[in-house]
Amino acid sequence: MHFLSGPVGVEGAEPGDLLVVDLLDIGAKPDSLWGFNGFFSKKNGGGFLTEHFPSAQKSIWDFHGMFTSSRHVPGVNFAGLIHPGLIGCLPDRAMLETWNQREVDFIATDPARVPPLANPPFAGTAHMGKLTGEAKAKVAAEGARTVPPREHGGNCDIKDLSRGSKVFFPVYVKGAGLSVGDLHFSQGDGEITFCGAIEMAGWVHMRVSLIKGGMAKYGIKNPIFKPSPITPSYKDYLIFEGISVDEQGQQHYLDVHVAYRQACLNAIEYLKKFGYSGAQAYSILGTAPVQGHISGVVDIPNACATLWLPTEIFDFDINPTSAGPVKFISGTTDLPIAYDLT
């Protein structure tokens, strides 16, 4: 579920324009200086590594100014990069129908899959703000789910859309209909745990302007953005490589999804050598300012993806040495079960 503010009408916005959104400032609510990271259970959507972590689990993260740490994941402390996971403009009727139809058609290719291939409109769990009566029922039955990113923006989960960022959104309806929400204190590239950043309650200050006819002028059909000039700076990384060969040794053709999974799994196995459980390591990759890179997509048959893990977020040295790893994290338990994410 995503709690969103909006849609907000922008005076003068017309289809074909670009809505320019400046993210002036973002912060946590003063009475809620904490967040959580969670894994959905496999039957409830899972995550990037749901075959390895099929149970719902959760870690709590406390905010200390711009930094965060967790009682459930000891030995790490890092600066947050607060951002909205979800932001975008309303689709027009034709685009909405296209979304729903293509996703229903996709689901039909493997309707019994767990987790499902996509999530169609479902009135039973739809929350429509102040809408009531027939209007509420109609929107709940036809409205696209907010789970994925789409042409309008949506749930893109881009960690670098922080304060100081500027986003250029295609406008599809009169007034644009800008919505924003799903605030994160910090997130690793990919949001691999799915409920997978540090989810938080907070506020956003924005400024909007228009580039008339900007979609045609610049050939834009998806949002583009300029990142924040303010970002945590790390100089030392361990970079884990993955290729298009899965855990069973099966070869895939230039498959970046498989390659990044392998990079993540390699990083998790490495962190376990220092005493972390697999779930704790998974949570670190979902919450810390980890970078994900597509490093190669042409050298058949393997794509190469890399995961950049900043070593400076740890309270101890995780670099390889001839002496071998030392278990700095000892006697820790696994992450608690999250019954609300099952």
C-alpha atoms as a PDB file:
ATOM      1  CA  MET A   1       0.000   0.000   0.000  1.00  0.00           C
ATOM      2  CA  HIS A   2       1.221   3.498  -0.878  1.00  0.00           C
ATOM      3  CA  PHE A   3      -0.080   6.542   0.972  1.00  0.00           C
ATOM      4  CA  LEU A   4       0.026   9.443  -1.495  1.00  0.00           C
ATOM      5  CA  SER A   5      -0.607  13.173  -1.374  1.00  0.00           C
ATOM      6  CA  GLY A   6      -2.486  14.295  -4.463  1.00  0.00           C
ATOM      7  CA  PRO A   7      -3.387  14.443  -7.227  1.00  0.00           C
ATOM      8  CA  VAL A   8      -2.576  18.149  -7.151  1.00  0.00           C
ATOM      9  CA  GLY A   9      -3.785  20.265 -10.066  1.00  0.00           C
ATOM     10  CA  VAL A  10      -1.294  22.636 -11.697  1.00  0.00           C
ATOM     11  CA  GLU A  11      -2.812  25.737 -13.275  1.00  0.00           C
ATOM     12  CA  GLY A  12      -2.089  25.949 -17.004  1.00  0.00           C
ATOM     13  CA  ALA A  13      -0.822  22.377 -17.414  1.00  0.00           C
ATOM     14  CA  GLU A  14      -2.022  20.746 -20.642  1.00  0.00           C
ATOM     15  CA  PRO A  15      -1.351  17.384 -22.319  1.00  0.00           C
ATOM     16  CA  GLY A  16       2.024  17.483 -24.068  1.00  0.00           C
ATOM     17  CA  ASP A  17       3.611  19.852 -21.551  1.00  0.00           C
ATOM     18  CA  LEU A  18       6.436  18.979 -19.210  1.00  0.00           C
ATOM     19  CA  LEU A  19       5.778  19.519 -15.519  1.00  0.00           C
ATOM     20  CA  VAL A  20       8.998  20.643 -13.838  1.00  0.00           C
ATOM     21  CA  VAL A  21       9.089  19.621 -10.173  1.00  0.00           C
ATOM     22  CA  ASP A  22      11.803  20.969  -7.881  1.00  0.00           C
ATOM     23  CA  LEU A  23      12.158  18.922  -4.694  1.00  0.00           C
ATOM     24  CA  LEU A  24      13.096  21.769  -2.369  1.00  0.00           C
ATOM     25  CA  ASP A  25      13.268  19.836   0.890  1.00  0.00           C
ATOM     26  CA  ILE A  26      12.261  16.476   2.365  1.00  0.00           C
ATOM     27  CA  GLY A  27      12.319  15.334   5.970  1.00  0.00           C
ATOM     28  CA  ALA A  28      11.026  12.951   8.615  1.00  0.00           C
ATOM     29  CA  LYS A  29       8.119  13.926  10.858  1.00  0.00           C
ATOM     30  CA  PRO A  30       9.578  15.234  14.145  1.00  0.00           C
ATOM     31  CA  ASP A  31       7.401  12.849  16.172  1.00  0.00           C
ATOM     32  CA  SER A  32       8.331   9.815  14.060  1.00  0.00           C
ATOM     33  CA  LEU A  33      12.125   9.609  13.910  1.00  0.00           C
ATOM     34  CA  TRP A  34      12.285   5.973  12.874  1.00  0.00           C
ATOM     35  CA  GLY A  35      11.525   3.752   9.914  1.00  0.00           C
ATOM     36  CA  PHE A  36      11.431   0.114   8.915  1.00  0.00           C
ATOM     37  CA  ASN A  37      12.728  -2.192   6.229  1.00  0.00           C
ATOM     38  CA  GLY A  38      10.788  -5.330   5.402  1.00  0.00           C
ATOM     39  CA  PHE A  39      10.652  -8.401   3.227  1.00  0.00           C
ATOM     40  CA  PHE A  40       7.218  -9.420   1.987  1.00  0.00           C
ATOM     41  CA  SER A  41       6.457 -13.114   2.218  1.00  0.00           C
ATOM     42  CA  LYS A  42       6.722 -14.915  -1.102  1.00  0.00           C
ATOM     43  CA  LYS A  43       2.941 -15.311  -1.372  1.00  0.00           C
ATOM     44  CA  ASN A  44       2.495 -11.555  -0.784  1.00  0.00           C
ATOM     45  CA  GLY A  45       4.862 -10.411  -3.521  1.00  0.00           C
ATOM     46  CA  GLY A  46       8.223 -11.523  -2.187  1.00  0.00           C
ATOM     47  CA  GLY A  47      11.282  -9.536  -3.179  1.00  0.00           C
ATOM     48  CA  PHE A  48      14.223  -9.657  -5.555  1.00  0.00           C
ATOM     49  CA  LEU A  49      15.616 -12.706  -3.724  1.00  0.00           C
ATOM     50  CA  THR A  50      12.330 -14.237  -2.563  1.00  0.00           C
ATOM     51  CA  GLU A  51      13.452 -17.801  -3.361  1.00  0.00           C
ATOM     52  CA  HIS A  52      16.194 -17.358  -0.765  1.00  0.00           C
ATOM     53  CA  PHE A  53      14.172 -15.257   1.715  1.00  0.00           C
ATOM     54  CA  PRO A  54      10.536 -16.439   1.421  1.00  0.00           C
ATOM     55  CA  SER A  55       9.383 -15.336   4.899  1.00  0.00           C
ATOM     56  CA  ALA A  56       8.180 -11.894   5.963  1.00  0.00           C
ATOM     57  CA  GLN A  57      10.794 -10.203   8.156  1.00  0.00           C
ATOM     58  CA  LYS A  58      11.440  -6.665   9.358  1.00  0.00           C
ATOM     59  CA  SER A  59      14.172  -4.436  10.780  1.00  0.00           C
ATOM     60  CA  ILE A  60      13.626  -1.139  12.622  1.00  0.00           C
ATOM     61  CA  TRP A  61      15.930   1.827  11.932  1.00  0.00           C
ATOM     62  CA  ASP A  62      16.312   4.828  14.251  1.00  0.00           C
ATOM     63  CA  PHE A  63      17.166   8.279  12.895  1.00  0.00           C
ATOM     64  CA  HIS A  64      19.907  10.353  14.529  1.00  0.00           C
ATOM     65  CA  GLY A  65      19.853  13.608  12.601  1.00  0.00           C
ATOM     66  CA  MET A  66      20.989  12.680   9.099  1.00  0.00           C
ATOM     67  CA  PHE A  67      22.270   9.237  10.185  1.00  0.00           C
ATOM     68  CA  THR A  68      20.519   5.943  10.872  1.00  0.00           C
ATOM     69  CA  SER A  69      21.266   2.649  12.626  1.00  0.00           C
ATOM     70  CA  SER A  70      19.288  -0.456  13.550  1.00  0.00           C
ATOM     71  CA  ARG A  71      18.965  -2.526  16.721  1.00  0.00           C
ATOM     72  CA  HIS A  72      18.352  -5.509  14.421  1.00  0.00           C
ATOM     73  CA  VAL A  73      21.381  -5.022  12.154  1.00  0.00           C
ATOM     74  CA  PRO A  74      24.376  -4.113  14.354  1.00  0.00           C
ATOM     75  CA  GLY A  75      27.647  -2.709  13.115  1.00  0.00           C
ATOM     76  CA  VAL A  76      26.342  -0.357  10.433  1.00  0.00           C
ATOM     77  CA  ASN A  77      25.666   3.378  10.507  1.00  0.00           C
ATOM     78  CA  PHE A  78      25.163   5.612   7.490  1.00  0.00           C
ATOM     79  CA  ALA A  79      23.807   8.938   6.295  1.00  0.00           C
ATOM     80  CA  GLY A  80      20.329   8.921   4.808  1.00  0.00           C
ATOM     81  CA  LEU A  81      19.320  10.201   1.401  1.00  0.00           C
ATOM     82  CA  ILE A  82      15.628  10.960   1.934  1.00  0.00           C
ATOM     83  CA  HIS A  83      13.522  10.657  -1.214  1.00  0.00           C
ATOM     84  CA  PRO A  84      10.003   9.882  -2.439  1.00  0.00           C
ATOM     85  CA  GLY A  85       9.760   6.364  -3.810  1.00  0.00           C
ATOM     86  CA  LEU A  86       6.668   7.323  -5.777  1.00  0.00           C
ATOM     87  CA  ILE A  87       5.997  10.512  -7.722  1.00  0.00           C
ATOM     88  CA  GLY A  88       4.253  11.189 -11.021  1.00  0.00           C
ATOM     89  CA  CYS A  89       1.351  12.681 -12.952  1.00  0.00           C
ATOM     90  CA  LEU A  90      -2.036  11.211 -13.846  1.00  0.00           C
ATOM     91  CA  PRO A  91      -2.440   9.134 -17.023  1.00  0.00           C
ATOM     92  CA  ASP A  92      -5.192   9.907 -19.495  1.00  0.00           C
ATOM     93  CA  ARG A  93      -7.997   7.395 -20.045  1.00  0.00           C
ATOM     94  CA  ALA A  94      -6.309   5.725 -23.052  1.00  0.00           C
ATOM     95  CA  MET A  95      -3.032   5.275 -21.171  1.00  0.00           C
ATOM     96  CA  LEU A  96      -4.804   3.851 -18.107  1.00  0.00           C
ATOM     97  CA  GLU A  97      -6.628   1.315 -20.271  1.00  0.00           C
ATOM     98  CA  THR A  98      -3.355   0.380 -21.991  1.00  0.00           C
ATOM     99  CA  TRP A  99      -1.652  -0.227 -18.629  1.00  0.00           C
ATOM    100  CA  ASN A 100      -4.437  -2.397 -17.290  1.00  0.00           C
ATOM    101  CA  GLN A 101      -4.831  -4.430 -20.482  1.00  0.00           C
ATOM    102  CA  ARG A 102      -1.151  -5.154 -21.036  1.00  0.00           C
ATOM    103  CA  GLU A 103      -0.702  -6.199 -17.402  1.00  0.00           C
ATOM    104  CA  VAL A 104      -3.798  -8.441 -17.464  1.00  0.00           C
ATOM    105  CA  ASP A 105      -2.492 -10.029 -20.680  1.00  0.00           C
ATOM    106  CA  PHE A 106       0.884 -10.567 -19.021  1.00  0.00           C
ATOM    107  CA  ILE A 107      -0.691 -12.195 -15.957  1.00  0.00           C
ATOM    108  CA  ALA A 108      -2.560 -14.568 -18.293  1.00  0.00           C
ATOM    109  CA  THR A 109       0.744 -16.036 -19.506  1.00  0.00           C
ATOM    110  CA  ASP A 110       1.301 -17.600 -16.044  1.00  0.00           C
ATOM    111  CA  PRO A 111      -1.782 -16.960 -13.880  1.00  0.00           C
ATOM    112  CA  ALA A 112      -0.775 -19.337 -11.077  1.00  0.00           C
ATOM    113  CA  ARG A 113       2.666 -17.821 -10.519  1.00  0.00           C
ATOM    114  CA  VAL A 114       3.688 -17.008  -6.920  1.00  0.00           C
ATOM    115  CA  PRO A 115       4.449 -14.157  -6.579  1.00  0.00           C
ATOM    116  CA  PRO A 116       2.222 -12.961  -9.459  1.00  0.00           C
ATOM    117  CA  LEU A 117       3.568 -11.423 -12.651  1.00  0.00           C
ATOM    118  CA  ALA A 118       1.624  -8.201 -11.999  1.00  0.00           C
ATOM    119  CA  ASN A 119      -1.206  -6.823  -9.868  1.00  0.00           C
ATOM    120  CA  PRO A 120      -4.459  -5.841 -11.630  1.00  0.00           C
ATOM    121  CA  PRO A 121      -6.955  -3.334 -10.187  1.00  0.00           C
ATOM    122  CA  PHE A 122      -8.504  -4.676  -6.979  1.00  0.00           C
ATOM    123  CA  ALA A 123     -11.261  -2.705  -5.285  1.00  0.00           C
ATOM    124  CA  GLY A 124     -11.018  -4.685  -2.051  1.00  0.00           C
ATOM    125  CA  THR A 125      -7.804  -2.988  -0.938  1.00  0.00           C
ATOM    126  CA  ALA A 126      -8.120   0.336  -2.765  1.00  0.00           C
ATOM    127  CA  HIS A 127      -8.026   3.524  -0.681  1.00  0.00           C
ATOM    128  CA  MET A 128      -9.560   6.505  -2.448  1.00  0.00           C
ATOM    129  CA  GLY A 129      -8.973   9.392  -0.082  1.00  0.00           C
ATOM    130  CA  LYS A 130     -12.071  11.588   0.087  1.00  0.00           C
ATOM    131  CA  LEU A 131     -13.927   9.940  -2.815  1.00  0.00           C
ATOM    132  CA  THR A 132     -17.284   8.416  -1.897  1.00  0.00           C
ATOM    133  CA  GLY A 133     -20.170   6.560  -3.486  1.00  0.00           C
ATOM    134  CA  GLU A 134     -20.210   5.659  -7.173  1.00  0.00           C
ATOM    135  CA  ALA A 135     -17.088   7.681  -7.954  1.00  0.00           C
ATOM    136  CA  LYS A 136     -15.116   5.792  -5.315  1.00  0.00           C
ATOM    137  CA  ALA A 137     -16.371   2.416  -6.547  1.00  0.00           C
ATOM    138  CA  LYS A 138     -15.537   3.226 -10.180  1.00  0.00           C
ATOM    139  CA  VAL A 139     -12.003   4.422  -9.472  1.00  0.00           C
ATOM    140  CA  ALA A 140     -11.318   1.505  -7.127  1.00  0.00           C
ATOM    141  CA  ALA A 141     -12.396  -0.979  -9.797  1.00  0.00           C
ATOM    142  CA  GLU A 142     -10.511   0.642 -12.699  1.00  0.00           C
ATOM    143  CA  GLY A 143      -7.556   2.461 -11.156  1.00  0.00           C
ATOM    144  CA  ALA A 144      -4.089   1.065 -11.854  1.00  0.00           C
ATOM    145  CA  ARG A 145      -2.225  -0.337  -8.872  1.00  0.00           C
ATOM    146  CA  THR A 146       0.662   1.825  -7.697  1.00  0.00           C
ATOM    147  CA  VAL A 147       3.149  -1.058  -7.418  1.00  0.00           C
ATOM    148  CA  PRO A 148       5.248  -0.530 -10.597  1.00  0.00           C
ATOM    149  CA  PRO A 149       6.821   2.423 -12.363  1.00  0.00           C
ATOM    150  CA  ARG A 150       5.149   3.305 -15.653  1.00  0.00           C
ATOM    151  CA  GLU A 151       5.367   5.954 -18.382  1.00  0.00           C
ATOM    152  CA  HIS A 152       4.121   8.682 -16.034  1.00  0.00           C
ATOM    153  CA  GLY A 153       6.754   8.018 -13.375  1.00  0.00           C
ATOM    154  CA  GLY A 154       5.102   6.272 -10.449  1.00  0.00           C
ATOM    155  CA  ASN A 155       6.867   3.875  -8.099  1.00  0.00           C
ATOM    156  CA  CYS A 156      10.351   4.248  -9.586  1.00  0.00           C
ATOM    157  CA  ASP A 157      12.187   4.044  -6.238  1.00  0.00           C
ATOM    158  CA  ILE A 158      15.132   6.159  -7.403  1.00  0.00           C
ATOM    159  CA  LYS A 159      17.239   6.911  -4.340  1.00  0.00           C
ATOM    160  CA  ASP A 160      18.868   9.975  -5.910  1.00  0.00           C
ATOM    161  CA  LEU A 161      15.561  11.876  -6.192  1.00  0.00           C
ATOM    162  CA  SER A 162      16.367  13.708  -2.984  1.00  0.00           C
ATOM    163  CA  ARG A 163      16.220  17.351  -1.920  1.00  0.00           C
ATOM    164  CA  GLY A 164      17.645  19.568  -4.625  1.00  0.00           C
ATOM    165  CA  SER A 165      16.536  17.242  -7.423  1.00  0.00           C
ATOM    166  CA  LYS A 166      14.605  18.486 -10.433  1.00  0.00           C
ATOM    167  CA  VAL A 167      12.205  16.174 -12.292  1.00  0.00           C
ATOM    168  CA  PHE A 168      10.585  16.677 -15.711  1.00  0.00           C
ATOM    169  CA  PHE A 169       7.280  14.789 -15.953  1.00  0.00           C
ATOM    170  CA  PRO A 170       5.202  14.253 -19.115  1.00  0.00           C
ATOM    171  CA  VAL A 171       1.712  15.745 -18.735  1.00  0.00           C
ATOM    172  CA  TYR A 172      -1.188  13.638 -20.023  1.00  0.00           C
ATOM    173  CA  VAL A 173      -4.271  15.378 -18.589  1.00  0.00           C
ATOM    174  CA  LYS A 174      -5.342  18.964 -17.999  1.00  0.00           C
ATOM    175  CA  GLY A 175      -3.900  20.090 -14.676  1.00  0.00           C
ATOM    176  CA  ALA A 176      -1.244  17.333 -14.671  1.00  0.00           C
ATOM    177  CA  GLY A 177      -2.475  15.715 -11.430  1.00  0.00           C
ATOM    178  CA  LEU A 178       0.792  15.416  -9.499  1.00  0.00           C
ATOM    179  CA  SER A 179       0.968  12.861  -6.671  1.00  0.00           C
ATOM    180  CA  VAL A 180       3.835  12.013  -4.314  1.00  0.00           C
ATOM    181  CA  GLY A 181       4.451   9.633  -1.425  1.00  0.00           C
ATOM    182  CA  ASP A 182       6.184   6.429  -0.281  1.00  0.00           C
ATOM    183  CA  LEU A 183       8.953   8.345   1.498  1.00  0.00           C
ATOM    184  CA  HIS A 184      12.266   6.612   2.203  1.00  0.00           C
ATOM    185  CA  PHE A 185      15.022   7.670   4.604  1.00  0.00           C
ATOM    186  CA  SER A 186      17.580   5.617   2.681  1.00  0.00           C
ATOM    187  CA  GLN A 187      17.632   2.905   0.029  1.00  0.00           C
ATOM    188  CA  GLY A 188      20.087   0.786  -1.912  1.00  0.00           C
ATOM    189  CA  ASP A 189      19.807   0.778  -5.698  1.00  0.00           C
ATOM    190  CA  GLY A 190      17.141  -1.666  -6.801  1.00  0.00           C
ATOM    191  CA  GLU A 191      15.176  -1.596  -3.514  1.00  0.00           C
ATOM    192  CA  ILE A 192      15.836  -5.327  -3.569  1.00  0.00           C
ATOM    193  CA  THR A 193      13.903  -6.278  -0.429  1.00  0.00           C
ATOM    194  CA  PHE A 194      10.711  -4.812  -2.045  1.00  0.00           C
ATOM    195  CA  CYS A 195       9.360  -3.195   1.142  1.00  0.00           C
ATOM    196  CA  GLY A 196      12.877  -2.506   0.747  1.00  0.00           C
ATOM    197  CA  ALA A 197      14.033   0.956   1.653  1.00  0.00           C
ATOM    198  CA  ILE A 198      13.812   2.460   5.124  1.00  0.00           C
ATOM    199  CA  GLU A 199      10.119   3.355   4.956  1.00  0.00           C
ATOM    200  CA  MET A 200       9.233   6.487   6.922  1.00  0.00           C
ATOM    201  CA  ALA A 201       6.605   9.109   7.677  1.00  0.00           C
ATOM    202  CA  GLY A 202       7.582  12.567   6.507  1.00  0.00           C
ATOM    203  CA  TRP A 203       6.949  15.682   4.475  1.00  0.00           C
ATOM    204  CA  VAL A 204       7.965  17.112   1.084  1.00  0.00           C
ATOM    205  CA  HIS A 205       8.285  20.723  -0.074  1.00  0.00           C
ATOM    206  CA  MET A 206       8.034  21.131  -3.863  1.00  0.00           C
ATOM    207  CA  ARG A 207       7.900  23.880  -6.476  1.00  0.00           C
ATOM    208  CA  VAL A 208       6.321  23.358  -9.897  1.00  0.00           C
ATOM    209  CA  SER A 209       6.609  25.089 -13.261  1.00  0.00           C
ATOM    210  CA  LEU A 210       5.840  24.209 -16.887  1.00  0.00           C
ATOM    211  CA  ILE A 211       7.625  23.800 -20.204  1.00  0.00           C
ATOM    212  CA  LYS A 212       4.803  24.252 -22.705  1.00  0.00           C
ATOM    213  CA  GLY A 213       4.833  21.582 -25.404  1.00  0.00           C
ATOM    214  CA  GLY A 214       7.927  20.112 -23.783  1.00  0.00           C
ATOM    215  CA  MET A 215       7.171  16.480 -24.588  1.00  0.00           C
ATOM    216  CA  ALA A 216       7.446  17.077 -28.347  1.00  0.00           C
ATOM    217  CA  LYS A 217      10.232  19.646 -28.059  1.00  0.00           C
ATOM    218  CA  TYR A 218      12.514  17.210 -26.248  1.00  0.00           C
ATOM    219  CA  GLY A 219      11.157  13.851 -27.456  1.00  0.00           C
ATOM    220  CA  ILE A 220      10.288  12.801 -23.908  1.00  0.00           C
ATOM    221  CA  LYS A 221       7.932   9.901 -23.181  1.00  0.00           C
ATOM    222  CA  ASN A 222       9.229   9.016 -19.701  1.00  0.00           C
ATOM    223  CA  PRO A 223      10.353  11.331 -16.888  1.00  0.00           C
ATOM    224  CA  ILE A 224      13.913  12.606 -16.754  1.00  0.00           C
ATOM    225  CA  PHE A 225      15.602  14.161 -13.741  1.00  0.00           C
ATOM    226  CA  LYS A 226      18.606  16.010 -12.426  1.00  0.00           C
ATOM    227  CA  PRO A 227      19.918  14.461  -9.196  1.00  0.00           C
ATOM    228  CA  SER A 228      20.466  16.218  -5.917  1.00  0.00           C
ATOM    229  CA  PRO A 229      23.738  18.123  -5.455  1.00  0.00           C
ATOM    230  CA  ILE A 230      23.664  16.914  -1.827  1.00  0.00           C
ATOM    231  CA  THR A 231      24.499  13.244  -1.449  1.00  0.00           C
ATOM    232  CA  PRO A 232      26.442  11.082   1.019  1.00  0.00           C
ATOM    233  CA  SER A 233      30.003  10.691  -0.238  1.00  0.00           C
ATOM    234  CA  TYR A 234      31.899   7.416   0.099  1.00  0.00           C
ATOM    235  CA  LYS A 235      35.373   6.802  -1.268  1.00  0.00           C
ATOM    236  CA  ASP A 236      35.929   3.113  -0.570  1.00  0.00           C
ATOM    237  CA  TYR A 237      33.742   0.353  -2.006  1.00  0.00           C
ATOM    238  CA  LEU A 238      33.811  -3.393  -2.360  1.00  0.00           C
ATOM    239  CA  ILE A 239      32.315  -4.153  -5.762  1.00  0.00           C
ATOM    240  CA  PHE A 240      30.610  -7.512  -6.246  1.00  0.00           C
ATOM    241  CA  GLU A 241      30.227  -8.850  -9.764  1.00  0.00           C
ATOM    242  CA  GLY A 242      27.449 -11.030 -11.158  1.00  0.00           C
ATOM    243  CA  ILE A 243      26.899 -12.590 -14.582  1.00  0.00           C
ATOM    244  CA  SER A 244      23.962 -14.164 -16.422  1.00  0.00           C
ATOM    245  CA  VAL A 245      24.392 -17.605 -14.868  1.00  0.00           C
ATOM    246  CA  ASP A 246      21.866 -18.425 -12.145  1.00  0.00           C
ATOM    247  CA  GLU A 247      22.229 -20.292  -8.850  1.00  0.00           C
ATOM    248  CA  GLN A 248      21.639 -23.639 -10.579  1.00  0.00           C
ATOM    249  CA  GLY A 249      24.396 -22.970 -13.094  1.00  0.00           C
ATOM    250  CA  GLN A 250      21.961 -22.350 -15.960  1.00  0.00           C
ATOM    251  CA  GLN A 251      23.160 -19.995 -18.684  1.00  0.00           C
ATOM    252  CA  HIS A 252      20.940 -17.026 -19.621  1.00  0.00           C
ATOM    253  CA  TYR A 253      21.406 -14.715 -22.594  1.00  0.00           C
ATOM    254  CA  LEU A 254      22.603 -11.236 -21.590  1.00  0.00           C
ATOM    255  CA  ASP A 255      20.143 -11.302 -18.672  1.00  0.00           C
ATOM    256  CA  VAL A 256      20.823  -8.289 -16.443  1.00  0.00           C
ATOM    257  CA  HIS A 257      18.179  -9.392 -13.929  1.00  0.00           C
ATOM    258  CA  VAL A 258      19.991 -12.683 -13.349  1.00  0.00           C
ATOM    259  CA  ALA A 259      23.373 -10.932 -13.272  1.00  0.00           C
ATOM    260  CA  TYR A 260      22.309  -8.438 -10.599  1.00  0.00           C
ATOM    261  CA  ARG A 261      20.759 -11.229  -8.522  1.00  0.00           C
ATOM    262  CA  GLN A 262      24.112 -12.987  -8.553  1.00  0.00           C
ATOM    263  CA  ALA A 263      25.935  -9.798  -7.529  1.00  0.00           C
ATOM    264  CA  CYS A 264      23.521  -9.400  -4.591  1.00  0.00           C
ATOM    265  CA  LEU A 265      23.851 -13.035  -3.541  1.00  0.00           C
ATOM    266  CA  ASN A 266      27.635 -12.800  -3.731  1.00  0.00           C
ATOM    267  CA  ALA A 267      27.579  -9.753  -1.437  1.00  0.00           C
ATOM    268  CA  ILE A 268      25.274 -11.510   1.036  1.00  0.00           C
ATOM    269  CA  GLU A 269      27.493 -14.588   1.217  1.00  0.00           C
ATOM    270  CA  TYR A 270      30.492 -12.324   1.816  1.00  0.00           C
ATOM    271  CA  LEU A 271      28.808 -10.432   4.671  1.00  0.00           C
ATOM    272  CA  LYS A 272      27.752 -13.686   6.335  1.00  0.00           C
ATOM    273  CA  LYS A 273      31.455 -14.427   6.885  1.00  0.00           C
ATOM    274  CA  PHE A 274      31.535 -11.512   9.361  1.00  0.00           C
ATOM    275  CA  GLY A 275      28.685 -12.969  11.437  1.00  0.00           C
ATOM    276  CA  TYR A 276      25.599 -11.473   9.801  1.00  0.00           C
ATOM    277  CA  SER A 277      22.644 -13.703   9.064  1.00  0.00           C
ATOM    278  CA  GLY A 278      21.548 -13.834   5.455  1.00  0.00           C
ATOM    279  CA  ALA A 279      18.488 -11.718   6.284  1.00  0.00           C
ATOM    280  CA  GLN A 280      20.598  -9.068   8.031  1.00  0.00           C
ATOM    281  CA  ALA A 281      22.909  -8.865   5.018  1.00  0.00           C
ATOM    282  CA  TYR A 282      19.898  -8.666   2.683  1.00  0.00           C
ATOM    283  CA  SER A 283      18.513  -5.801   4.768  1.00  0.00           C
ATOM    284  CA  ILE A 284      21.832  -3.933   4.542  1.00  0.00           C
ATOM    285  CA  LEU A 285      21.758  -4.132   0.748  1.00  0.00           C
ATOM    286  CA  GLY A 286      18.174  -2.860   0.687  1.00  0.00           C
ATOM    287  CA  THR A 287      18.710   0.089   3.024  1.00  0.00           C
ATOM    288  CA  ALA A 288      22.294   1.349   2.769  1.00  0.00           C
ATOM    289  CA  PRO A 289      23.507   3.689  -0.029  1.00  0.00           C
ATOM    290  CA  VAL A 290      24.510   0.747  -2.219  1.00  0.00           C
ATOM    291  CA  GLN A 291      25.070   1.436  -5.904  1.00  0.00           C
ATOM    292  CA  GLY A 292      23.913  -0.942  -8.629  1.00  0.00           C
ATOM    293  CA  HIS A 293      25.524  -0.752 -12.068  1.00  0.00           C
ATOM    294  CA  ILE A 294      24.934  -2.425 -15.414  1.00  0.00           C
ATOM    295  CA  SER A 295      28.546  -2.930 -16.392  1.00  0.00           C
ATOM    296  CA  GLY A 296      28.190  -4.835 -19.673  1.00  0.00           C
ATOM    297  CA  VAL A 297      25.339  -5.906 -21.986  1.00  0.00           C
ATOM    298  CA  VAL A 298      27.076  -6.874 -25.253  1.00  0.00           C
ATOM    299  CA  ASP A 299      29.577  -9.636 -24.480  1.00  0.00           C
ATOM    300  CA  ILE A 300      27.503 -12.711 -25.319  1.00  0.00           C
ATOM    301  CA  PRO A 301      26.307 -14.735 -23.574  1.00  0.00           C
ATOM    302  CA  ASN A 302      26.798 -12.903 -20.267  1.00  0.00           C
ATOM    303  CA  ALA A 303      25.666  -9.522 -19.080  1.00  0.00           C
ATOM    304  CA  CYS A 304      27.694  -8.176 -16.165  1.00  0.00           C
ATOM    305  CA  ALA A 305      26.114  -6.334 -13.240  1.00  0.00           C
ATOM    306  CA  THR A 306      27.908  -4.960 -10.208  1.00  0.00           C
ATOM    307  CA  LEU A 307      26.884  -4.049  -6.670  1.00  0.00           C
ATOM    308  CA  TRP A 308      28.957  -1.332  -4.992  1.00  0.00           C
ATOM    309  CA  LEU A 309      28.987  -1.720  -1.199  1.00  0.00           C
ATOM    310  CA  PRO A 310      30.488   1.246   0.706  1.00  0.00           C
ATOM    311  CA  THR A 311      32.896  -0.149   3.293  1.00  0.00           C
ATOM    312  CA  GLU A 312      32.796   3.007   5.430  1.00  0.00           C
ATOM    313  CA  ILE A 313      29.268   2.300   6.681  1.00  0.00           C
ATOM    314  CA  PHE A 314      30.576  -0.564   8.843  1.00  0.00           C
ATOM    315  CA  ASP A 315      32.033  -0.235  12.340  1.00  0.00           C
ATOM    316  CA  PHE A 316      34.763  -2.712  11.381  1.00  0.00           C
ATOM    317  CA  ASP A 317      36.968  -3.508   8.389  1.00  0.00           C
ATOM    318  CA  ILE A 318      35.269  -5.742   5.820  1.00  0.00           C
ATOM    319  CA  ASN A 319      38.075  -5.642   3.253  1.00  0.00           C
ATOM    320  CA  PRO A 320      39.687  -8.989   2.317  1.00  0.00           C
ATOM    321  CA  THR A 321      43.013  -9.741   4.024  1.00  0.00           C
ATOM    322  CA  SER A 322      45.369 -12.701   4.132  1.00  0.00           C
ATOM    323  CA  ALA A 323      44.243 -13.384   7.714  1.00  0.00           C
ATOM    324  CA  GLY A 324      40.689 -14.067   6.577  1.00  0.00           C
ATOM    325  CA  PRO A 325      37.401 -12.651   7.880  1.00  0.00           C
ATOM    326  CA  VAL A 326      36.757 -12.118  11.579  1.00  0.00           C
ATOM    327  CA  LYS A 327      33.234 -12.556  12.948  1.00  0.00           C
ATOM    328  CA  PHE A 328      32.706  -9.120  14.453  1.00  0.00           C
ATOM    329  CA  ILE A 329      28.960  -9.732  14.692  1.00  0.00           C
ATOM    330  CA  SER A 330      28.553 -12.643  17.091  1.00  0.00           C
ATOM    331  CA  GLY A 331      25.535 -14.082  18.839  1.00  0.00           C
ATOM    332  CA  THR A 332      23.065 -11.991  16.839  1.00  0.00           C
ATOM    333  CA  THR A 333      19.658 -13.383  16.048  1.00  0.00           C
ATOM    334  CA  ASP A 334      17.882 -13.260  12.737  1.00  0.00           C
ATOM    335  CA  LEU A 335      15.478 -10.445  11.875  1.00  0.00           C
ATOM    336  CA  PRO A 336      12.074 -10.679  13.566  1.00  0.00           C
ATOM    337  CA  ILE A 337       9.103 -12.129  11.703  1.00  0.00           C
ATOM    338  CA  ALA A 338       6.836  -9.407  10.262  1.00  0.00           C
ATOM    339  CA  TYR A 339       3.277 -10.704  10.515  1.00  0.00           C
ATOM    340  CA  ASP A 340       1.904  -7.568   8.818  1.00  0.00           C
ATOM    341  CA  LEU A 341       3.924  -8.347   5.655  1.00  0.00           C
ATOM    342  CA  THR A 342       2.821 -11.980   5.231  1.00  0.00           C
END
